[in-house]
Amino acid sequence: MHTIQLKLNDNGRGAFVIEEGNENNLTVFHTHVDDKLKGQGVASELLSTMVAYARANNKKVIALCPYVGAQFKRHPEQYADIWNQTWHS
């Protein structure tokens, strides 16, 4: 049996999570860039910030977001340390 916890941020948003041992998963559902910011590298900045957070906090990323998933697949060597590729199997 797994332990399921509700984790909320200061705004009351969050998720139910299952943590196995020392491996914590960070599920990325969506990367949103406002229309007026598109084409300025903002999605890349969001990805870089998320990756830095995952590394600093020993998280494994479950990439449900199409953009993040595509970047992870395009550059697997860059994200091998944080990409939870076994989650879908």
N, C-alpha and C. Protein backbone atom coordinates (compact mmCIF):
# COMPACT_ATOMS: atom_id res chain seq x y z
N MET A 1 0.84 -1.18 0.00
CA MET A 1 0.00 0.00 0.00
C MET A 1 0.89 1.24 0.00
N HIS A 2 0.56 2.21 -0.83
CA HIS A 2 1.30 3.45 -0.91
C HIS A 2 0.68 4.51 -0.02
N THR A 3 1.50 5.43 0.45
CA THR A 3 1.01 6.56 1.22
C THR A 3 0.73 7.70 0.25
N ILE A 4 -0.50 8.18 0.27
CA ILE A 4 -0.91 9.28 -0.61
C ILE A 4 -1.03 10.53 0.24
N GLN A 5 -0.39 11.61 -0.22
CA GLN A 5 -0.42 12.87 0.52
C GLN A 5 -0.96 13.98 -0.37
N LEU A 6 -1.67 14.90 0.24
CA LEU A 6 -2.10 16.11 -0.46
C LEU A 6 -1.08 17.20 -0.14
N LYS A 7 -0.49 17.78 -1.17
CA LYS A 7 0.46 18.88 -0.99
C LYS A 7 -0.10 20.11 -1.69
N LEU A 8 -0.21 21.19 -0.93
CA LEU A 8 -0.76 22.44 -1.45
C LEU A 8 0.28 23.55 -1.38
N ASN A 9 0.20 24.48 -2.34
CA ASN A 9 1.07 25.66 -2.26
C ASN A 9 0.34 26.76 -1.49
N ASP A 10 0.93 27.94 -1.41
CA ASP A 10 0.33 29.03 -0.64
C ASP A 10 -1.00 29.51 -1.21
N ASN A 11 -1.24 29.24 -2.49
CA ASN A 11 -2.50 29.65 -3.13
C ASN A 11 -3.58 28.58 -3.04
N GLY A 12 -3.28 27.50 -2.35
CA GLY A 12 -4.26 26.43 -2.20
C GLY A 12 -4.30 25.47 -3.37
N ARG A 13 -3.37 25.60 -4.31
CA ARG A 13 -3.30 24.68 -5.44
C ARG A 13 -2.30 23.59 -5.12
N GLY A 14 -2.55 22.42 -5.66
CA GLY A 14 -1.62 21.34 -5.38
C GLY A 14 -2.02 20.07 -6.07
N ALA A 15 -1.60 18.97 -5.48
CA ALA A 15 -1.85 17.67 -6.06
C ALA A 15 -1.75 16.61 -4.98
N PHE A 16 -2.36 15.47 -5.26
CA PHE A 16 -2.15 14.29 -4.44
C PHE A 16 -0.91 13.60 -4.99
N VAL A 17 -0.01 13.21 -4.11
CA VAL A 17 1.25 12.61 -4.55
C VAL A 17 1.53 11.32 -3.81
N ILE A 18 2.24 10.44 -4.49
CA ILE A 18 2.75 9.22 -3.88
C ILE A 18 4.26 9.33 -3.97
N GLU A 19 4.93 9.21 -2.84
CA GLU A 19 6.38 9.28 -2.81
C GLU A 19 6.91 7.90 -2.45
N GLU A 20 7.79 7.39 -3.29
CA GLU A 20 8.38 6.08 -3.06
C GLU A 20 9.83 6.27 -2.64
N GLY A 21 10.16 5.91 -1.40
CA GLY A 21 11.51 6.06 -0.91
C GLY A 21 11.93 7.51 -0.98
N ASN A 22 13.11 7.75 -1.54
CA ASN A 22 13.61 9.11 -1.68
C ASN A 22 13.28 9.72 -3.03
N GLU A 23 12.54 8.98 -3.86
CA GLU A 23 12.22 9.49 -5.19
C GLU A 23 10.88 10.21 -5.16
N ASN A 24 10.92 11.49 -5.35
CA ASN A 24 9.71 12.30 -5.40
C ASN A 24 9.46 12.67 -6.85
N ASN A 25 8.22 12.53 -7.28
CA ASN A 25 7.88 12.87 -8.64
C ASN A 25 7.27 14.26 -8.72
N LEU A 26 7.65 14.97 -9.77
CA LEU A 26 7.07 16.26 -10.10
C LEU A 26 6.37 16.07 -11.44
N THR A 27 5.05 16.15 -11.45
CA THR A 27 4.29 15.95 -12.68
C THR A 27 4.04 17.30 -13.34
N VAL A 28 4.48 17.41 -14.59
CA VAL A 28 4.31 18.65 -15.35
C VAL A 28 3.18 18.40 -16.34
N PHE A 29 2.06 19.10 -16.14
CA PHE A 29 0.88 18.91 -16.97
C PHE A 29 0.85 19.84 -18.18
N HIS A 30 1.29 21.08 -18.00
CA HIS A 30 1.10 22.07 -19.05
C HIS A 30 2.10 23.21 -18.90
N THR A 31 2.59 23.68 -20.04
CA THR A 31 3.43 24.87 -20.08
C THR A 31 2.65 25.91 -20.86
N HIS A 32 2.26 26.97 -20.21
CA HIS A 32 1.44 27.99 -20.87
C HIS A 32 2.23 29.28 -21.06
N VAL A 33 2.20 29.79 -22.29
CA VAL A 33 2.83 31.06 -22.61
C VAL A 33 1.75 31.94 -23.23
N ASP A 34 1.55 33.12 -22.67
CA ASP A 34 0.57 34.06 -23.18
C ASP A 34 0.91 34.42 -24.63
N ASP A 35 -0.12 34.63 -25.44
CA ASP A 35 0.07 34.93 -26.86
C ASP A 35 1.05 36.07 -27.11
N LYS A 36 0.99 37.11 -26.29
CA LYS A 36 1.86 38.26 -26.52
C LYS A 36 3.33 37.97 -26.20
N LEU A 37 3.61 36.83 -25.55
CA LEU A 37 4.99 36.46 -25.21
C LEU A 37 5.54 35.35 -26.10
N LYS A 38 4.70 34.81 -26.98
CA LYS A 38 5.15 33.71 -27.83
C LYS A 38 6.27 34.15 -28.76
N GLY A 39 7.18 33.23 -29.04
CA GLY A 39 8.30 33.51 -29.92
C GLY A 39 9.45 34.24 -29.25
N GLN A 40 9.39 34.39 -27.93
CA GLN A 40 10.43 35.12 -27.20
C GLN A 40 11.26 34.21 -26.29
N GLY A 41 11.09 32.90 -26.44
CA GLY A 41 11.87 31.97 -25.63
C GLY A 41 11.35 31.76 -24.23
N VAL A 42 10.12 32.18 -23.97
CA VAL A 42 9.56 32.09 -22.62
C VAL A 42 9.34 30.62 -22.22
N ALA A 43 8.86 29.80 -23.13
CA ALA A 43 8.64 28.38 -22.82
C ALA A 43 9.96 27.72 -22.42
N SER A 44 11.02 28.07 -23.12
CA SER A 44 12.34 27.55 -22.79
C SER A 44 12.79 27.99 -21.40
N GLU A 45 12.49 29.24 -21.05
CA GLU A 45 12.82 29.74 -19.71
C GLU A 45 12.03 28.99 -18.64
N LEU A 46 10.74 28.74 -18.91
CA LEU A 46 9.93 27.99 -17.97
C LEU A 46 10.49 26.58 -17.78
N LEU A 47 10.87 25.95 -18.89
CA LEU A 47 11.45 24.61 -18.82
C LEU A 47 12.74 24.63 -18.01
N SER A 48 13.61 25.57 -18.27
CA SER A 48 14.88 25.67 -17.54
C SER A 48 14.66 25.86 -16.04
N THR A 49 13.69 26.68 -15.68
CA THR A 49 13.38 26.94 -14.27
C THR A 49 12.85 25.68 -13.60
N MET A 50 11.96 24.96 -14.29
CA MET A 50 11.41 23.72 -13.75
C MET A 50 12.51 22.69 -13.57
N VAL A 51 13.40 22.56 -14.56
CA VAL A 51 14.49 21.60 -14.49
C VAL A 51 15.42 21.92 -13.32
N ALA A 52 15.75 23.19 -13.15
CA ALA A 52 16.60 23.61 -12.03
C ALA A 52 15.93 23.27 -10.69
N TYR A 53 14.63 23.51 -10.59
CA TYR A 53 13.89 23.18 -9.37
C TYR A 53 13.93 21.68 -9.11
N ALA A 54 13.68 20.89 -10.15
CA ALA A 54 13.67 19.43 -10.00
C ALA A 54 15.04 18.94 -9.52
N ARG A 55 16.09 19.46 -10.10
CA ARG A 55 17.44 19.04 -9.69
C ARG A 55 17.76 19.47 -8.27
N ALA A 56 17.41 20.68 -7.92
CA ALA A 56 17.71 21.20 -6.58
C ALA A 56 16.94 20.46 -5.49
N ASN A 57 15.78 19.91 -5.87
CA ASN A 57 14.91 19.26 -4.88
C ASN A 57 14.83 17.74 -5.06
N ASN A 58 15.77 17.19 -5.83
CA ASN A 58 15.83 15.74 -6.05
C ASN A 58 14.51 15.16 -6.52
N LYS A 59 13.90 15.82 -7.50
CA LYS A 59 12.63 15.37 -8.07
C LYS A 59 12.87 14.64 -9.37
N LYS A 60 12.01 13.70 -9.69
CA LYS A 60 11.95 13.05 -10.99
C LYS A 60 10.71 13.61 -11.70
N VAL A 61 10.86 13.99 -12.95
CA VAL A 61 9.79 14.66 -13.69
C VAL A 61 8.99 13.67 -14.51
N ILE A 62 7.68 13.70 -14.31
CA ILE A 62 6.74 12.98 -15.16
C ILE A 62 6.22 14.02 -16.15
N ALA A 63 6.63 13.87 -17.40
CA ALA A 63 6.36 14.89 -18.42
C ALA A 63 5.07 14.61 -19.17
N LEU A 64 3.94 15.05 -18.61
CA LEU A 64 2.66 14.93 -19.30
C LEU A 64 2.41 16.09 -20.25
N CYS A 65 3.11 17.18 -20.06
CA CYS A 65 3.02 18.34 -20.93
C CYS A 65 3.65 17.99 -22.28
N PRO A 66 2.94 18.22 -23.39
CA PRO A 66 3.51 17.90 -24.71
C PRO A 66 4.83 18.61 -24.99
N TYR A 67 4.95 19.86 -24.59
CA TYR A 67 6.19 20.61 -24.83
C TYR A 67 7.35 20.02 -24.05
N VAL A 68 7.14 19.79 -22.77
CA VAL A 68 8.21 19.23 -21.93
C VAL A 68 8.57 17.83 -22.42
N GLY A 69 7.56 17.02 -22.72
CA GLY A 69 7.82 15.68 -23.23
C GLY A 69 8.64 15.70 -24.51
N ALA A 70 8.31 16.61 -25.41
CA ALA A 70 9.04 16.73 -26.67
C ALA A 70 10.49 17.14 -26.43
N GLN A 71 10.71 18.07 -25.51
CA GLN A 71 12.07 18.52 -25.21
C GLN A 71 12.88 17.39 -24.57
N PHE A 72 12.25 16.64 -23.67
CA PHE A 72 12.94 15.53 -23.03
C PHE A 72 13.32 14.47 -24.07
N LYS A 73 12.40 14.18 -24.99
CA LYS A 73 12.68 13.18 -26.03
C LYS A 73 13.73 13.67 -27.02
N ARG A 74 13.72 14.96 -27.32
CA ARG A 74 14.66 15.54 -28.27
C ARG A 74 16.08 15.60 -27.69
N HIS A 75 16.18 15.79 -26.38
CA HIS A 75 17.48 15.94 -25.71
C HIS A 75 17.56 15.04 -24.48
N PRO A 76 17.44 13.73 -24.64
CA PRO A 76 17.39 12.86 -23.46
C PRO A 76 18.63 12.92 -22.58
N GLU A 77 19.77 13.19 -23.17
CA GLU A 77 21.01 13.27 -22.39
C GLU A 77 21.01 14.46 -21.43
N GLN A 78 20.30 15.52 -21.79
CA GLN A 78 20.22 16.71 -20.92
C GLN A 78 19.35 16.48 -19.70
N TYR A 79 18.38 15.58 -19.83
CA TYR A 79 17.37 15.43 -18.78
C TYR A 79 17.35 14.04 -18.14
N ALA A 80 18.32 13.20 -18.48
CA ALA A 80 18.33 11.81 -17.99
C ALA A 80 18.28 11.73 -16.47
N ASP A 81 18.89 12.68 -15.78
CA ASP A 81 18.95 12.63 -14.32
C ASP A 81 17.62 12.95 -13.64
N ILE A 82 16.72 13.61 -14.35
CA ILE A 82 15.44 14.00 -13.72
C ILE A 82 14.22 13.40 -14.40
N TRP A 83 14.37 12.82 -15.58
CA TRP A 83 13.24 12.33 -16.36
C TRP A 83 12.79 10.97 -15.86
N ASN A 84 11.58 10.88 -15.36
CA ASN A 84 11.00 9.61 -14.93
C ASN A 84 10.36 8.95 -16.16
N GLN A 85 11.16 8.18 -16.86
CA GLN A 85 10.68 7.53 -18.09
C GLN A 85 9.90 6.26 -17.81
N THR A 86 10.00 5.73 -16.62
CA THR A 86 9.34 4.46 -16.31
C THR A 86 7.92 4.64 -15.81
N TRP A 87 7.50 5.86 -15.58
CA TRP A 87 6.18 6.09 -14.99
C TRP A 87 5.05 5.54 -15.86
N HIS A 88 5.18 5.66 -17.19
CA HIS A 88 4.12 5.20 -18.09
C HIS A 88 4.15 3.71 -18.36
N SER A 89 5.23 3.04 -17.99
CA SER A 89 5.34 1.61 -18.32
C SER A 89 4.62 0.74 -17.32
